[in-house]
């Protein structure tokens, strides 16, 4: 899913698969592929984790300064995962790039 998004590059960093636009990572998979880290507004993440603790986890303490949260992949539906990845990607690309891509998806 993430590979199909414009300007996305895939990298392997310390056994984590990371998806980024330039140097900004917006999605990451744990080595065992059980967790997905993704960009998410800092001010909203506590509410997200509190609302669905079986799905979402706070990032480790060293990542608290970033717009980041984790999800248990087994607990997500494909549609939920797609929405989280696209929203995270939209946080790091120019608005015009996101709008053009979303218009293309709407036309399919």
C-alpha atoms as a PDB file:
ATOM      1  CA  UNK A   1       0.000   0.000   0.000  1.00  0.00           C
ATOM      2  CA  UNK A   2       2.616   2.555   1.069  1.00  0.00           C
ATOM      3  CA  UNK A   3       4.846   1.828  -1.947  1.00  0.00           C
ATOM      4  CA  UNK A   4       2.079   3.005  -4.265  1.00  0.00           C
ATOM      5  CA  UNK A   5       1.922   6.494  -2.753  1.00  0.00           C
ATOM      6  CA  UNK A   6       3.686   9.276  -4.702  1.00  0.00           C
ATOM      7  CA  UNK A   7       7.199  10.250  -3.602  1.00  0.00           C
ATOM      8  CA  UNK A   8       7.461   7.258  -1.258  1.00  0.00           C
ATOM      9  CA  UNK A   9      10.777   5.502  -0.799  1.00  0.00           C
ATOM     10  CA  UNK A  10      11.197   2.197   1.027  1.00  0.00           C
ATOM     11  CA  UNK A  11      14.219   1.549   3.240  1.00  0.00           C
ATOM     12  CA  UNK A  12      15.415  -1.131   5.620  1.00  0.00           C
ATOM     13  CA  UNK A  13      16.738   0.418   8.833  1.00  0.00           C
ATOM     14  CA  UNK A  14      17.833  -1.852  11.699  1.00  0.00           C
ATOM     15  CA  UNK A  15      15.558  -4.611  10.381  1.00  0.00           C
ATOM     16  CA  UNK A  16      12.524  -2.274  10.252  1.00  0.00           C
ATOM     17  CA  UNK A  17      10.909  -1.607   6.881  1.00  0.00           C
ATOM     18  CA  UNK A  18      10.362   2.142   6.694  1.00  0.00           C
ATOM     19  CA  UNK A  19       8.390   4.196   4.219  1.00  0.00           C
ATOM     20  CA  UNK A  20       9.401   7.802   3.831  1.00  0.00           C
ATOM     21  CA  UNK A  21       9.135  10.903   1.722  1.00  0.00           C
ATOM     22  CA  UNK A  22      12.628  12.303   1.423  1.00  0.00           C
ATOM     23  CA  UNK A  23      14.007  11.951   4.955  1.00  0.00           C
ATOM     24  CA  UNK A  24      10.677  11.941   6.801  1.00  0.00           C
ATOM     25  CA  UNK A  25       9.425   8.500   7.816  1.00  0.00           C
ATOM     26  CA  UNK A  26       5.640   8.218   7.867  1.00  0.00           C
ATOM     27  CA  UNK A  27       5.217   4.465   8.341  1.00  0.00           C
ATOM     28  CA  UNK A  28       7.359   1.652   9.756  1.00  0.00           C
ATOM     29  CA  UNK A  29       6.925  -2.088  10.212  1.00  0.00           C
ATOM     30  CA  UNK A  30       8.546  -3.998  13.064  1.00  0.00           C
ATOM     31  CA  UNK A  31      10.946  -6.823  12.099  1.00  0.00           C
ATOM     32  CA  UNK A  32       8.343  -9.455  13.059  1.00  0.00           C
ATOM     33  CA  UNK A  33       5.602  -7.481  11.234  1.00  0.00           C
ATOM     34  CA  UNK A  34       3.317  -7.403  14.267  1.00  0.00           C
ATOM     35  CA  UNK A  35       3.479  -3.622  14.805  1.00  0.00           C
ATOM     36  CA  UNK A  36       3.122  -0.673  12.482  1.00  0.00           C
ATOM     37  CA  UNK A  37       4.363   2.748  13.527  1.00  0.00           C
ATOM     38  CA  UNK A  38       2.812   5.661  11.682  1.00  0.00           C
ATOM     39  CA  UNK A  39       2.643   9.424  11.680  1.00  0.00           C
ATOM     40  CA  UNK A  40      -0.199  10.757  13.793  1.00  0.00           C
ATOM     41  CA  UNK A  41      -0.830  14.148  15.434  1.00  0.00           C
ATOM     42  CA  UNK A  42       0.794  14.295  18.881  1.00  0.00           C
ATOM     43  CA  UNK A  43      -2.149  16.107  20.410  1.00  0.00           C
ATOM     44  CA  UNK A  44      -4.567  13.330  19.383  1.00  0.00           C
ATOM     45  CA  UNK A  45      -2.589  10.165  20.115  1.00  0.00           C
ATOM     46  CA  UNK A  46      -3.491   9.787  23.820  1.00  0.00           C
ATOM     47  CA  UNK A  47      -7.180   9.824  22.912  1.00  0.00           C
ATOM     48  CA  UNK A  48      -6.610   7.289  20.119  1.00  0.00           C
ATOM     49  CA  UNK A  49      -4.741   4.880  22.404  1.00  0.00           C
ATOM     50  CA  UNK A  50      -7.240   5.329  25.259  1.00  0.00           C
ATOM     51  CA  UNK A  51     -10.202   4.700  22.929  1.00  0.00           C
ATOM     52  CA  UNK A  52      -8.813   1.456  21.471  1.00  0.00           C
ATOM     53  CA  UNK A  53      -5.928   0.116  23.591  1.00  0.00           C
ATOM     54  CA  UNK A  54      -6.248  -3.314  21.991  1.00  0.00           C
ATOM     55  CA  UNK A  55      -5.281  -1.741  18.639  1.00  0.00           C
ATOM     56  CA  UNK A  56      -3.036   1.215  19.436  1.00  0.00           C
ATOM     57  CA  UNK A  57       0.038   1.787  21.604  1.00  0.00           C
ATOM     58  CA  UNK A  58       1.976   4.878  22.552  1.00  0.00           C
ATOM     59  CA  UNK A  59       5.418   5.148  20.980  1.00  0.00           C
ATOM     60  CA  UNK A  60       8.492   4.353  23.032  1.00  0.00           C
ATOM     61  CA  UNK A  61       9.697   7.247  25.214  1.00  0.00           C
ATOM     62  CA  UNK A  62      12.424   8.294  22.757  1.00  0.00           C
ATOM     63  CA  UNK A  63       9.784   8.746  20.017  1.00  0.00           C
ATOM     64  CA  UNK A  64       7.316  10.783  22.093  1.00  0.00           C
ATOM     65  CA  UNK A  65       8.671  14.020  20.619  1.00  0.00           C
ATOM     66  CA  UNK A  66       7.549  12.928  17.148  1.00  0.00           C
ATOM     67  CA  UNK A  67       4.098  12.743  15.603  1.00  0.00           C
ATOM     68  CA  UNK A  68       4.031   8.969  16.010  1.00  0.00           C
ATOM     69  CA  UNK A  69       1.925   6.096  17.366  1.00  0.00           C
ATOM     70  CA  UNK A  70       1.938   2.280  16.976  1.00  0.00           C
ATOM     71  CA  UNK A  71      -0.775  -0.162  15.944  1.00  0.00           C
ATOM     72  CA  UNK A  72      -1.054  -3.919  16.309  1.00  0.00           C
ATOM     73  CA  UNK A  73      -1.422  -5.092  12.713  1.00  0.00           C
ATOM     74  CA  UNK A  74      -3.500  -8.148  13.642  1.00  0.00           C
ATOM     75  CA  UNK A  75      -6.111  -5.873  15.227  1.00  0.00           C
ATOM     76  CA  UNK A  76      -6.542  -3.631  12.161  1.00  0.00           C
ATOM     77  CA  UNK A  77      -8.810  -4.233   9.202  1.00  0.00           C
ATOM     78  CA  UNK A  78      -7.330  -3.632   5.762  1.00  0.00           C
ATOM     79  CA  UNK A  79      -9.423  -0.476   5.397  1.00  0.00           C
ATOM     80  CA  UNK A  80      -8.246   0.868   8.782  1.00  0.00           C
ATOM     81  CA  UNK A  81      -4.620   0.185   7.887  1.00  0.00           C
ATOM     82  CA  UNK A  82      -5.028   1.857   4.486  1.00  0.00           C
ATOM     83  CA  UNK A  83      -6.612   4.941   6.064  1.00  0.00           C
ATOM     84  CA  UNK A  84      -3.866   5.243   8.719  1.00  0.00           C
ATOM     85  CA  UNK A  85      -1.089   4.918   6.121  1.00  0.00           C
ATOM     86  CA  UNK A  86      -2.666   7.451   3.750  1.00  0.00           C
ATOM     87  CA  UNK A  87      -3.286   9.940   6.579  1.00  0.00           C
ATOM     88  CA  UNK A  88       0.326   9.562   7.758  1.00  0.00           C
ATOM     89  CA  UNK A  89       1.587  10.061   4.188  1.00  0.00           C
ATOM     90  CA  UNK A  90      -0.572  13.178   3.820  1.00  0.00           C
ATOM     91  CA  UNK A  91       1.227  14.663   6.832  1.00  0.00           C
ATOM     92  CA  UNK A  92       4.573  14.619   4.981  1.00  0.00           C
ATOM     93  CA  UNK A  93       3.811  15.473   1.339  1.00  0.00           C
ATOM     94  CA  UNK A  94       2.831  18.840  -0.091  1.00  0.00           C
ATOM     95  CA  UNK A  95      -0.920  19.418  -0.003  1.00  0.00           C
ATOM     96  CA  UNK A  96      -1.120  19.607  -3.795  1.00  0.00           C
ATOM     97  CA  UNK A  97       0.531  16.179  -4.169  1.00  0.00           C
ATOM     98  CA  UNK A  98      -1.897  14.631  -1.692  1.00  0.00           C
ATOM     99  CA  UNK A  99      -4.890  16.299  -3.333  1.00  0.00           C
ATOM    100  CA  UNK A 100      -3.869  15.135  -6.815  1.00  0.00           C
ATOM    101  CA  UNK A 101      -3.382  11.553  -5.646  1.00  0.00           C
ATOM    102  CA  UNK A 102      -6.676  11.465  -3.771  1.00  0.00           C
ATOM    103  CA  UNK A 103      -8.482  12.844  -6.837  1.00  0.00           C
ATOM    104  CA  UNK A 104      -6.957  10.019  -8.891  1.00  0.00           C
ATOM    105  CA  UNK A 105      -8.189   7.459  -6.351  1.00  0.00           C
ATOM    106  CA  UNK A 106     -11.678   8.972  -6.374  1.00  0.00           C
ATOM    107  CA  UNK A 107     -11.803   8.659 -10.166  1.00  0.00           C
ATOM    108  CA  UNK A 108     -11.093   4.918 -10.105  1.00  0.00           C
END
